[in-house]
PDB file of all heavy atoms in Angstrom:
ATOM      1  N   ILE A   1      -3.092  -3.112  -4.721  1.00  0.00           N
ATOM      2  CA  ILE A   1      -3.212  -1.878  -3.887  1.00  0.00           C
ATOM      3  C   ILE A   1      -2.363  -0.777  -4.451  1.00  0.00           C
ATOM      4  O   ILE A   1      -2.832   0.356  -4.558  1.00  0.00           O
ATOM      5  CB  ILE A   1      -2.784  -2.225  -2.434  1.00  0.00           C
ATOM      6  CG1 ILE A   1      -3.748  -3.214  -1.785  1.00  0.00           C
ATOM      7  CG2 ILE A   1      -2.746  -0.927  -1.584  1.00  0.00           C
ATOM      8  CD1 ILE A   1      -3.234  -3.805  -0.492  1.00  0.00           C
ATOM      9  N   ILE A   2      -1.167  -1.093  -4.829  1.00  0.00           N
ATOM     10  CA  ILE A   2      -0.205  -0.082  -5.364  1.00  0.00           C
ATOM     11  C   ILE A   2      -0.721   0.455  -6.654  1.00  0.00           C
ATOM     12  O   ILE A   2      -0.676   1.689  -6.878  1.00  0.00           O
ATOM     13  CB  ILE A   2       1.194  -0.722  -5.515  1.00  0.00           C
ATOM     14  CG1 ILE A   2       1.800  -1.033  -4.145  1.00  0.00           C
ATOM     15  CG2 ILE A   2       2.098   0.205  -6.310  1.00  0.00           C
ATOM     16  CD1 ILE A   2       2.956  -2.011  -4.158  1.00  0.00           C
ATOM     17  N   GLU A   3      -1.214  -0.371  -7.523  1.00  0.00           N
ATOM     18  CA  GLU A   3      -1.786   0.118  -8.796  1.00  0.00           C
ATOM     19  C   GLU A   3      -2.995   1.022  -8.565  1.00  0.00           C
ATOM     20  O   GLU A   3      -3.062   2.112  -9.206  1.00  0.00           O
ATOM     21  CB  GLU A   3      -2.215  -1.068  -9.682  1.00  0.00           C
ATOM     22  CG  GLU A   3      -1.109  -1.848 -10.288  1.00  0.00           C
ATOM     23  CD  GLU A   3      -1.576  -3.079 -11.048  1.00  0.00           C
ATOM     24  OE1 GLU A   3      -2.712  -3.457 -10.881  1.00  0.00           O
ATOM     25  OE2 GLU A   3      -0.730  -3.634 -11.762  1.00  0.00           O
ATOM     26  N   CYS A   4      -3.878   0.701  -7.694  1.00  0.00           N
ATOM     27  CA  CYS A   4      -5.050   1.483  -7.370  1.00  0.00           C
ATOM     28  C   CYS A   4      -4.597   2.826  -6.739  1.00  0.00           C
ATOM     29  O   CYS A   4      -5.110   3.900  -7.162  1.00  0.00           O
ATOM     30  CB  CYS A   4      -5.991   0.706  -6.433  1.00  0.00           C
ATOM     31  SG  CYS A   4      -7.539   1.482  -6.120  1.00  0.00           S
ATOM     32  N   PHE A   5      -3.685   2.754  -5.857  1.00  0.00           N
ATOM     33  CA  PHE A   5      -3.155   3.994  -5.154  1.00  0.00           C
ATOM     34  C   PHE A   5      -2.493   4.887  -6.158  1.00  0.00           C
ATOM     35  O   PHE A   5      -2.709   6.120  -6.124  1.00  0.00           O
ATOM     36  CB  PHE A   5      -2.217   3.552  -4.028  1.00  0.00           C
ATOM     37  CG  PHE A   5      -1.527   4.750  -3.384  1.00  0.00           C
ATOM     38  CD1 PHE A   5      -2.232   5.631  -2.657  1.00  0.00           C
ATOM     39  CD2 PHE A   5      -0.160   4.860  -3.456  1.00  0.00           C
ATOM     40  CE1 PHE A   5      -1.575   6.766  -2.044  1.00  0.00           C
ATOM     41  CE2 PHE A   5       0.504   5.902  -2.823  1.00  0.00           C
ATOM     42  CZ  PHE A   5      -0.234   6.860  -2.108  1.00  0.00           C
ATOM     43  N   ALA A   6      -1.677   4.370  -7.046  1.00  0.00           N
ATOM     44  CA  ALA A   6      -1.003   5.148  -8.035  1.00  0.00           C
ATOM     45  C   ALA A   6      -2.038   5.919  -8.979  1.00  0.00           C
ATOM     46  O   ALA A   6      -1.810   7.070  -9.255  1.00  0.00           O
ATOM     47  CB  ALA A   6      -0.085   4.301  -8.906  1.00  0.00           C
ATOM     48  N   LYS A   7      -3.070   5.209  -9.363  1.00  0.00           N
ATOM     49  CA  LYS A   7      -4.093   5.838 -10.156  1.00  0.00           C
ATOM     50  C   LYS A   7      -4.751   6.959  -9.428  1.00  0.00           C
ATOM     51  O   LYS A   7      -5.005   8.025  -9.954  1.00  0.00           O
ATOM     52  CB  LYS A   7      -5.150   4.779 -10.655  1.00  0.00           C
ATOM     53  CG  LYS A   7      -4.680   3.957 -11.777  1.00  0.00           C
ATOM     54  CD  LYS A   7      -5.873   3.060 -12.222  1.00  0.00           C
ATOM     55  CE  LYS A   7      -5.378   2.094 -13.275  1.00  0.00           C
ATOM     56  NZ  LYS A   7      -6.421   1.179 -13.664  1.00  0.00           N
ATOM     57  N   GLN A   8      -5.161   6.690  -8.167  1.00  0.00           N
ATOM     58  CA  GLN A   8      -5.896   7.697  -7.350  1.00  0.00           C
ATOM     59  C   GLN A   8      -5.054   8.974  -7.203  1.00  0.00           C
ATOM     60  O   GLN A   8      -5.598  10.067  -7.224  1.00  0.00           O
ATOM     61  CB  GLN A   8      -6.201   7.099  -5.950  1.00  0.00           C
ATOM     62  CG  GLN A   8      -7.285   6.119  -5.906  1.00  0.00           C
ATOM     63  CD  GLN A   8      -7.463   5.554  -4.502  1.00  0.00           C
ATOM     64  OE1 GLN A   8      -6.598   5.664  -3.641  1.00  0.00           O
ATOM     65  NE2 GLN A   8      -8.594   4.952  -4.273  1.00  0.00           N
ATOM     66  N   GLN A   9      -3.740   8.832  -7.000  1.00  0.00           N
ATOM     67  CA  GLN A   9      -2.859   9.931  -6.659  1.00  0.00           C
ATOM     68  C   GLN A   9      -2.175  10.531  -7.903  1.00  0.00           C
ATOM     69  O   GLN A   9      -1.470  11.510  -7.785  1.00  0.00           O
ATOM     70  CB  GLN A   9      -1.857   9.555  -5.617  1.00  0.00           C
ATOM     71  CG  GLN A   9      -2.472   9.221  -4.289  1.00  0.00           C
ATOM     72  CD  GLN A   9      -3.231  10.432  -3.752  1.00  0.00           C
ATOM     73  OE1 GLN A   9      -2.734  11.477  -3.662  1.00  0.00           O
ATOM     74  NE2 GLN A   9      -4.482  10.160  -3.324  1.00  0.00           N
ATOM     75  N   GLY A  10      -2.288   9.833  -9.034  1.00  0.00           N
ATOM     76  CA  GLY A  10      -1.561  10.274 -10.211  1.00  0.00           C
ATOM     77  C   GLY A  10      -0.075  10.094 -10.087  1.00  0.00           C
ATOM     78  O   GLY A  10       0.716  10.900 -10.597  1.00  0.00           O
ATOM     79  N   LEU A  11       0.371   9.062  -9.380  1.00  0.00           N
ATOM     80  CA  LEU A  11       1.757   8.797  -9.143  1.00  0.00           C
ATOM     81  C   LEU A  11       2.281   7.693 -10.101  1.00  0.00           C
ATOM     82  O   LEU A  11       1.473   6.891 -10.594  1.00  0.00           O
ATOM     83  CB  LEU A  11       1.983   8.269  -7.698  1.00  0.00           C
ATOM     84  CG  LEU A  11       1.631   9.222  -6.578  1.00  0.00           C
ATOM     85  CD1 LEU A  11       1.708   8.483  -5.231  1.00  0.00           C
ATOM     86  CD2 LEU A  11       2.566  10.437  -6.525  1.00  0.00           C
ATOM     87  N   SER A  12       3.570   7.676 -10.324  1.00  0.00           N
ATOM     88  CA  SER A  12       4.135   6.527 -11.066  1.00  0.00           C
ATOM     89  C   SER A  12       4.081   5.332 -10.172  1.00  0.00           C
ATOM     90  O   SER A  12       3.931   5.434  -8.928  1.00  0.00           O
ATOM     91  CB  SER A  12       5.565   6.868 -11.417  1.00  0.00           C
ATOM     92  OG  SER A  12       6.409   6.839 -10.187  1.00  0.00           O
ATOM     93  N   LEU A  13       4.166   4.161 -10.786  1.00  0.00           N
ATOM     94  CA  LEU A  13       4.125   2.968  -9.998  1.00  0.00           C
ATOM     95  C   LEU A  13       5.351   2.866  -9.044  1.00  0.00           C
ATOM     96  O   LEU A  13       5.234   2.364  -7.898  1.00  0.00           O
ATOM     97  CB  LEU A  13       4.102   1.734 -10.926  1.00  0.00           C
ATOM     98  CG  LEU A  13       2.785   1.483 -11.646  1.00  0.00           C
ATOM     99  CD1 LEU A  13       2.905   0.298 -12.566  1.00  0.00           C
ATOM    100  CD2 LEU A  13       1.627   1.242 -10.670  1.00  0.00           C
ATOM    101  N   ASP A  14       6.485   3.424  -9.504  1.00  0.00           N
ATOM    102  CA  ASP A  14       7.669   3.395  -8.653  1.00  0.00           C
ATOM    103  C   ASP A  14       7.486   4.239  -7.401  1.00  0.00           C
ATOM    104  O   ASP A  14       7.831   3.864  -6.296  1.00  0.00           O
ATOM    105  CB  ASP A  14       8.893   3.906  -9.422  1.00  0.00           C
ATOM    106  CG  ASP A  14       9.408   2.935 -10.443  1.00  0.00           C
ATOM    107  OD1 ASP A  14       9.133   1.714 -10.288  1.00  0.00           O
ATOM    108  OD2 ASP A  14      10.090   3.334 -11.357  1.00  0.00           O
ATOM    109  N   ALA A  15       6.881   5.479  -7.590  1.00  0.00           N
ATOM    110  CA  ALA A  15       6.617   6.313  -6.458  1.00  0.00           C
ATOM    111  C   ALA A  15       5.584   5.725  -5.529  1.00  0.00           C
ATOM    112  O   ALA A  15       5.760   5.811  -4.233  1.00  0.00           O
ATOM    113  CB  ALA A  15       6.176   7.726  -6.935  1.00  0.00           C
ATOM    114  N   ALA A  16       4.539   5.099  -6.052  1.00  0.00           N
ATOM    115  CA  ALA A  16       3.542   4.497  -5.230  1.00  0.00           C
ATOM    116  C   ALA A  16       4.107   3.288  -4.445  1.00  0.00           C
ATOM    117  O   ALA A  16       3.784   3.113  -3.297  1.00  0.00           O
ATOM    118  CB  ALA A  16       2.320   4.051  -6.090  1.00  0.00           C
ATOM    119  N   LEU A  17       4.959   2.542  -5.138  1.00  0.00           N
ATOM    120  CA  LEU A  17       5.542   1.380  -4.479  1.00  0.00           C
ATOM    121  C   LEU A  17       6.526   1.816  -3.324  1.00  0.00           C
ATOM    122  O   LEU A  17       6.459   1.239  -2.271  1.00  0.00           O
ATOM    123  CB  LEU A  17       6.400   0.579  -5.509  1.00  0.00           C
ATOM    124  CG  LEU A  17       7.233  -0.546  -4.964  1.00  0.00           C
ATOM    125  CD1 LEU A  17       6.337  -1.624  -4.467  1.00  0.00           C
ATOM    126  CD2 LEU A  17       8.140  -1.133  -6.090  1.00  0.00           C
ATOM    127  N   SER A  18       7.260   2.896  -3.594  1.00  0.00           N
ATOM    128  CA  SER A  18       8.140   3.373  -2.571  1.00  0.00           C
ATOM    129  C   SER A  18       7.366   3.868  -1.304  1.00  0.00           C
ATOM    130  O   SER A  18       7.736   3.552  -0.206  1.00  0.00           O
ATOM    131  CB  SER A  18       8.979   4.485  -3.120  1.00  0.00           C
ATOM    132  OG  SER A  18       9.782   5.053  -2.094  1.00  0.00           O
ATOM    133  N   PHE A  19       6.310   4.542  -1.537  1.00  0.00           N
ATOM    134  CA  PHE A  19       5.519   5.051  -0.438  1.00  0.00           C
ATOM    135  C   PHE A  19       4.864   3.873   0.285  1.00  0.00           C
ATOM    136  O   PHE A  19       4.840   3.847   1.559  1.00  0.00           O
ATOM    137  CB  PHE A  19       4.394   6.030  -0.877  1.00  0.00           C
ATOM    138  CG  PHE A  19       3.615   6.551   0.309  1.00  0.00           C
ATOM    139  CD1 PHE A  19       4.089   7.548   1.100  1.00  0.00           C
ATOM    140  CD2 PHE A  19       2.357   5.961   0.546  1.00  0.00           C
ATOM    141  CE1 PHE A  19       3.425   7.959   2.216  1.00  0.00           C
ATOM    142  CE2 PHE A  19       1.686   6.424   1.679  1.00  0.00           C
ATOM    143  CZ  PHE A  19       2.168   7.409   2.504  1.00  0.00           C
ATOM    144  N   PHE A  20       4.328   2.942  -0.471  1.00  0.00           N
ATOM    145  CA  PHE A  20       3.654   1.788   0.120  1.00  0.00           C
ATOM    146  C   PHE A  20       4.554   1.026   1.073  1.00  0.00           C
ATOM    147  O   PHE A  20       4.192   0.659   2.190  1.00  0.00           O
ATOM    148  CB  PHE A  20       3.143   0.850  -1.004  1.00  0.00           C
ATOM    149  CG  PHE A  20       2.481  -0.364  -0.433  1.00  0.00           C
ATOM    150  CD1 PHE A  20       1.185  -0.299   0.092  1.00  0.00           C
ATOM    151  CD2 PHE A  20       3.100  -1.599  -0.544  1.00  0.00           C
ATOM    152  CE1 PHE A  20       0.597  -1.546   0.572  1.00  0.00           C
ATOM    153  CE2 PHE A  20       2.529  -2.780  -0.079  1.00  0.00           C
ATOM    154  CZ  PHE A  20       1.249  -2.708   0.507  1.00  0.00           C
ATOM    155  N   HIS A  21       5.777   0.760   0.651  1.00  0.00           N
ATOM    156  CA  HIS A  21       6.721  -0.029   1.465  1.00  0.00           C
ATOM    157  C   HIS A  21       7.186   0.679   2.708  1.00  0.00           C
ATOM    158  O   HIS A  21       7.745   0.041   3.603  1.00  0.00           O
ATOM    159  CB  HIS A  21       7.894  -0.490   0.608  1.00  0.00           C
ATOM    160  CG  HIS A  21       7.607  -1.719  -0.168  1.00  0.00           C
ATOM    161  ND1 HIS A  21       7.447  -2.934   0.451  1.00  0.00           N
ATOM    162  CD2 HIS A  21       7.393  -1.951  -1.442  1.00  0.00           C
ATOM    163  CE1 HIS A  21       7.141  -3.877  -0.492  1.00  0.00           C
ATOM    164  NE2 HIS A  21       7.104  -3.237  -1.636  1.00  0.00           N
ATOM    165  N   HIS A  22       6.966   1.951   2.836  1.00  0.00           N
ATOM    166  CA  HIS A  22       7.285   2.691   4.029  1.00  0.00           C
ATOM    167  C   HIS A  22       6.086   3.078   4.822  1.00  0.00           C
ATOM    168  O   HIS A  22       6.182   3.838   5.800  1.00  0.00           O
ATOM    169  CB  HIS A  22       8.123   3.922   3.661  1.00  0.00           C
ATOM    170  CG  HIS A  22       9.420   3.614   3.053  1.00  0.00           C
ATOM    171  ND1 HIS A  22       9.679   3.536   1.739  1.00  0.00           N
ATOM    172  CD2 HIS A  22      10.602   3.273   3.670  1.00  0.00           C
ATOM    173  CE1 HIS A  22      10.907   3.187   1.531  1.00  0.00           C
ATOM    174  NE2 HIS A  22      11.524   3.050   2.699  1.00  0.00           N
ATOM    175  N   SER A  23       4.872   2.574   4.435  1.00  0.00           N
ATOM    176  CA  SER A  23       3.637   2.979   5.064  1.00  0.00           C
ATOM    177  C   SER A  23       3.256   2.110   6.215  1.00  0.00           C
ATOM    178  O   SER A  23       3.675   0.940   6.344  1.00  0.00           O
ATOM    179  CB  SER A  23       2.515   2.951   3.985  1.00  0.00           C
ATOM    180  OG  SER A  23       2.168   1.629   3.662  1.00  0.00           O
ATOM    181  N   GLU A  24       2.376   2.653   7.074  1.00  0.00           N
ATOM    182  CA  GLU A  24       1.778   1.899   8.171  1.00  0.00           C
ATOM    183  C   GLU A  24       0.853   0.806   7.615  1.00  0.00           C
ATOM    184  O   GLU A  24       0.724  -0.257   8.218  1.00  0.00           O
ATOM    185  CB  GLU A  24       1.058   2.816   9.136  1.00  0.00           C
ATOM    186  CG  GLU A  24       2.030   3.650   9.886  1.00  0.00           C
ATOM    187  CD  GLU A  24       1.238   4.579  10.914  1.00  0.00           C
ATOM    188  OE1 GLU A  24       0.264   4.147  11.469  1.00  0.00           O
ATOM    189  OE2 GLU A  24       1.686   5.719  11.066  1.00  0.00           O
ATOM    190  N   VAL A  25       0.123   1.153   6.519  1.00  0.00           N
ATOM    191  CA  VAL A  25      -0.819   0.195   5.940  1.00  0.00           C
ATOM    192  C   VAL A  25      -0.037  -1.111   5.548  1.00  0.00           C
ATOM    193  O   VAL A  25      -0.503  -2.215   5.884  1.00  0.00           O
ATOM    194  CB  VAL A  25      -1.506   0.833   4.714  1.00  0.00           C
ATOM    195  CG1 VAL A  25      -2.292  -0.243   3.952  1.00  0.00           C
ATOM    196  CG2 VAL A  25      -2.372   2.005   5.132  1.00  0.00           C
ATOM    197  N   TYR A  26       1.066  -0.925   4.921  1.00  0.00           N
ATOM    198  CA  TYR A  26       1.905  -2.127   4.559  1.00  0.00           C
ATOM    199  C   TYR A  26       2.317  -2.914   5.767  1.00  0.00           C
ATOM    200  O   TYR A  26       2.195  -4.146   5.790  1.00  0.00           O
ATOM    201  CB  TYR A  26       3.167  -1.675   3.746  1.00  0.00           C
ATOM    202  CG  TYR A  26       4.123  -2.766   3.532  1.00  0.00           C
ATOM    203  CD1 TYR A  26       3.835  -3.902   2.801  1.00  0.00           C
ATOM    204  CD2 TYR A  26       5.383  -2.751   4.176  1.00  0.00           C
ATOM    205  CE1 TYR A  26       4.778  -4.898   2.582  1.00  0.00           C
ATOM    206  CE2 TYR A  26       6.303  -3.769   3.998  1.00  0.00           C
ATOM    207  CZ  TYR A  26       5.989  -4.849   3.232  1.00  0.00           C
ATOM    208  OH  TYR A  26       6.905  -5.859   3.058  1.00  0.00           O
ATOM    209  N   GLN A  27       2.763  -2.200   6.801  1.00  0.00           N
ATOM    210  CA  GLN A  27       3.179  -2.899   8.013  1.00  0.00           C
ATOM    211  C   GLN A  27       2.051  -3.686   8.683  1.00  0.00           C
ATOM    212  O   GLN A  27       2.202  -4.795   9.149  1.00  0.00           O
ATOM    213  CB  GLN A  27       3.733  -1.908   9.074  1.00  0.00           C
ATOM    214  CG  GLN A  27       5.063  -1.286   8.566  1.00  0.00           C
ATOM    215  CD  GLN A  27       5.549  -0.230   9.516  1.00  0.00           C
ATOM    216  OE1 GLN A  27       5.038  -0.021  10.610  1.00  0.00           O
ATOM    217  NE2 GLN A  27       6.546   0.494   9.096  1.00  0.00           N
ATOM    218  N   LEU A  28       0.840  -3.087   8.681  1.00  0.00           N
ATOM    219  CA  LEU A  28      -0.304  -3.775   9.242  1.00  0.00           C
ATOM    220  C   LEU A  28      -0.725  -4.975   8.407  1.00  0.00           C
ATOM    221  O   LEU A  28      -0.973  -6.032   9.044  1.00  0.00           O
ATOM    222  CB  LEU A  28      -1.491  -2.792   9.342  1.00  0.00           C
ATOM    223  CG  LEU A  28      -1.372  -1.649  10.328  1.00  0.00           C
ATOM    224  CD1 LEU A  28      -2.539  -0.701  10.184  1.00  0.00           C
ATOM    225  CD2 LEU A  28      -1.253  -2.150  11.778  1.00  0.00           C
ATOM    226  N   ILE A  29      -0.683  -4.890   7.137  1.00  0.00           N
ATOM    227  CA  ILE A  29      -1.015  -6.057   6.313  1.00  0.00           C
ATOM    228  C   ILE A  29       0.051  -7.101   6.547  1.00  0.00           C
ATOM    229  O   ILE A  29      -0.290  -8.296   6.690  1.00  0.00           O
ATOM    230  CB  ILE A  29      -1.110  -5.648   4.833  1.00  0.00           C
ATOM    231  CG1 ILE A  29      -2.232  -4.641   4.644  1.00  0.00           C
ATOM    232  CG2 ILE A  29      -1.326  -6.848   3.933  1.00  0.00           C
ATOM    233  CD1 ILE A  29      -2.235  -3.997   3.255  1.00  0.00           C
ATOM    234  N   ARG A  30       1.289  -6.738   6.375  1.00  0.00           N
ATOM    235  CA  ARG A  30       2.430  -7.689   6.496  1.00  0.00           C
ATOM    236  C   ARG A  30       2.395  -8.449   7.812  1.00  0.00           C
ATOM    237  O   ARG A  30       2.664  -9.657   7.874  1.00  0.00           O
ATOM    238  CB  ARG A  30       3.738  -6.914   6.319  1.00  0.00           C
ATOM    239  CG  ARG A  30       4.949  -7.810   6.422  1.00  0.00           C
ATOM    240  CD  ARG A  30       6.203  -7.005   6.634  1.00  0.00           C
ATOM    241  NE  ARG A  30       6.103  -6.332   7.931  1.00  0.00           N
ATOM    242  CZ  ARG A  30       6.800  -5.221   8.243  1.00  0.00           C
ATOM    243  NH1 ARG A  30       7.565  -4.647   7.390  1.00  0.00           N
ATOM    244  NH2 ARG A  30       6.637  -4.708   9.428  1.00  0.00           N
ATOM    245  N   ASP A  31       2.035  -7.739   8.905  1.00  0.00           N
ATOM    246  CA  ASP A  31       2.075  -8.338  10.253  1.00  0.00           C
ATOM    247  C   ASP A  31       0.824  -9.088  10.577  1.00  0.00           C
ATOM    248  O   ASP A  31       0.694  -9.635  11.623  1.00  0.00           O
ATOM    249  CB  ASP A  31       2.355  -7.265  11.272  1.00  0.00           C
ATOM    250  CG  ASP A  31       3.752  -6.678  11.126  1.00  0.00           C
ATOM    251  OD1 ASP A  31       4.613  -7.236  10.489  1.00  0.00           O
ATOM    252  OD2 ASP A  31       3.975  -5.539  11.694  1.00  0.00           O
ATOM    253  N   GLY A  32      -0.198  -9.032   9.674  1.00  0.00           N
ATOM    254  CA  GLY A  32      -1.458  -9.745   9.870  1.00  0.00           C
ATOM    255  C   GLY A  32      -2.379  -9.125  10.895  1.00  0.00           C
ATOM    256  O   GLY A  32      -3.215  -9.822  11.489  1.00  0.00           O
ATOM    257  N   VAL A  33      -2.211  -7.823  11.165  1.00  0.00           N
ATOM    258  CA  VAL A  33      -3.026  -7.127  12.135  1.00  0.00           C
ATOM    259  C   VAL A  33      -4.456  -6.944  11.651  1.00  0.00           C
ATOM    260  O   VAL A  33      -4.659  -6.523  10.514  1.00  0.00           O
ATOM    261  CB  VAL A  33      -2.401  -5.710  12.474  1.00  0.00           C
ATOM    262  CG1 VAL A  33      -3.336  -4.983  13.362  1.00  0.00           C
ATOM    263  CG2 VAL A  33      -1.050  -5.929  13.074  1.00  0.00           C
ATOM    264  N   SER A  34      -5.417  -7.377  12.500  1.00  0.00           N
ATOM    265  CA  SER A  34      -6.840  -7.171  12.191  1.00  0.00           C
ATOM    266  C   SER A  34      -7.256  -7.750  10.832  1.00  0.00           C
ATOM    267  O   SER A  34      -8.193  -7.200  10.273  1.00  0.00           O
ATOM    268  CB  SER A  34      -7.226  -5.727  12.288  1.00  0.00           C
ATOM    269  OG  SER A  34      -7.000  -5.187  13.545  1.00  0.00           O
ATOM    270  N   ASP A  35      -6.599  -8.699  10.360  1.00  0.00           N
ATOM    271  CA  ASP A  35      -6.936  -9.293   9.029  1.00  0.00           C
ATOM    272  C   ASP A  35      -7.087  -8.270   7.927  1.00  0.00           C
ATOM    273  O   ASP A  35      -7.939  -8.303   7.120  1.00  0.00           O
ATOM    274  CB  ASP A  35      -8.212 -10.164   9.142  1.00  0.00           C
ATOM    275  CG  ASP A  35      -8.056 -11.414   9.929  1.00  0.00           C
ATOM    276  OD1 ASP A  35      -6.907 -11.885   9.999  1.00  0.00           O
ATOM    277  OD2 ASP A  35      -9.035 -11.923  10.509  1.00  0.00           O
ATOM    278  N   MET A  36      -6.149  -7.287   7.957  1.00  0.00           N
ATOM    279  CA  MET A  36      -6.128  -6.204   6.967  1.00  0.00           C
ATOM    280  C   MET A  36      -6.109  -6.775   5.538  1.00  0.00           C
ATOM    281  O   MET A  36      -6.637  -6.240   4.598  1.00  0.00           O
ATOM    282  CB  MET A  36      -4.951  -5.271   7.145  1.00  0.00           C
ATOM    283  CG  MET A  36      -5.073  -4.370   8.387  1.00  0.00           C
ATOM    284  SD  MET A  36      -6.259  -3.061   8.192  1.00  0.00           S
ATOM    285  CE  MET A  36      -5.327  -1.958   7.176  1.00  0.00           C
ATOM    286  N   HIS A  37      -5.413  -7.940   5.360  1.00  0.00           N
ATOM    287  CA  HIS A  37      -5.277  -8.568   4.049  1.00  0.00           C
ATOM    288  C   HIS A  37      -6.633  -8.999   3.520  1.00  0.00           C
ATOM    289  O   HIS A  37      -6.798  -9.233   2.310  1.00  0.00           O
ATOM    290  CB  HIS A  37      -4.328  -9.682   4.042  1.00  0.00           C
ATOM    291  CG  HIS A  37      -4.718 -10.812   4.905  1.00  0.00           C
ATOM    292  ND1 HIS A  37      -4.530 -10.799   6.305  1.00  0.00           N
ATOM    293  CD2 HIS A  37      -5.348 -11.941   4.656  1.00  0.00           C
ATOM    294  CE1 HIS A  37      -4.998 -11.912   6.802  1.00  0.00           C
ATOM    295  NE2 HIS A  37      -5.499 -12.657   5.828  1.00  0.00           N
ATOM    296  N   CYS A  38      -7.663  -9.049   4.370  1.00  0.00           N
ATOM    297  CA  CYS A  38      -9.005  -9.474   3.946  1.00  0.00           C
ATOM    298  C   CYS A  38      -9.812  -8.304   3.365  1.00  0.00           C
ATOM    299  O   CYS A  38     -10.865  -8.540   2.775  1.00  0.00           O
ATOM    300  CB  CYS A  38      -9.803 -10.113   5.070  1.00  0.00           C
ATOM    301  SG  CYS A  38      -8.972 -11.701   5.649  1.00  0.00           S
ATOM    302  N   MET A  39      -9.414  -7.065   3.600  1.00  0.00           N
ATOM    303  CA  MET A  39     -10.082  -5.879   3.168  1.00  0.00           C
ATOM    304  C   MET A  39      -9.903  -5.787   1.620  1.00  0.00           C
ATOM    305  O   MET A  39      -8.943  -6.296   1.054  1.00  0.00           O
ATOM    306  CB  MET A  39      -9.536  -4.664   3.823  1.00  0.00           C
ATOM    307  CG  MET A  39      -9.595  -4.622   5.313  1.00  0.00           C
ATOM    308  SD  MET A  39     -11.300  -4.710   5.904  1.00  0.00           S
ATOM    309  CE  MET A  39     -11.079  -4.744   7.615  1.00  0.00           C
TER     310      MET A  39
END
């Protein structure tokens, strides 16, 4: 996900990783909400 997001936004992997770890998307996947990890 981070690699794909970094490419889409033209971000470094570090910047994409930082944003990802503070995102709602990460929290939903981590917490198993709505089987987000299956998307």
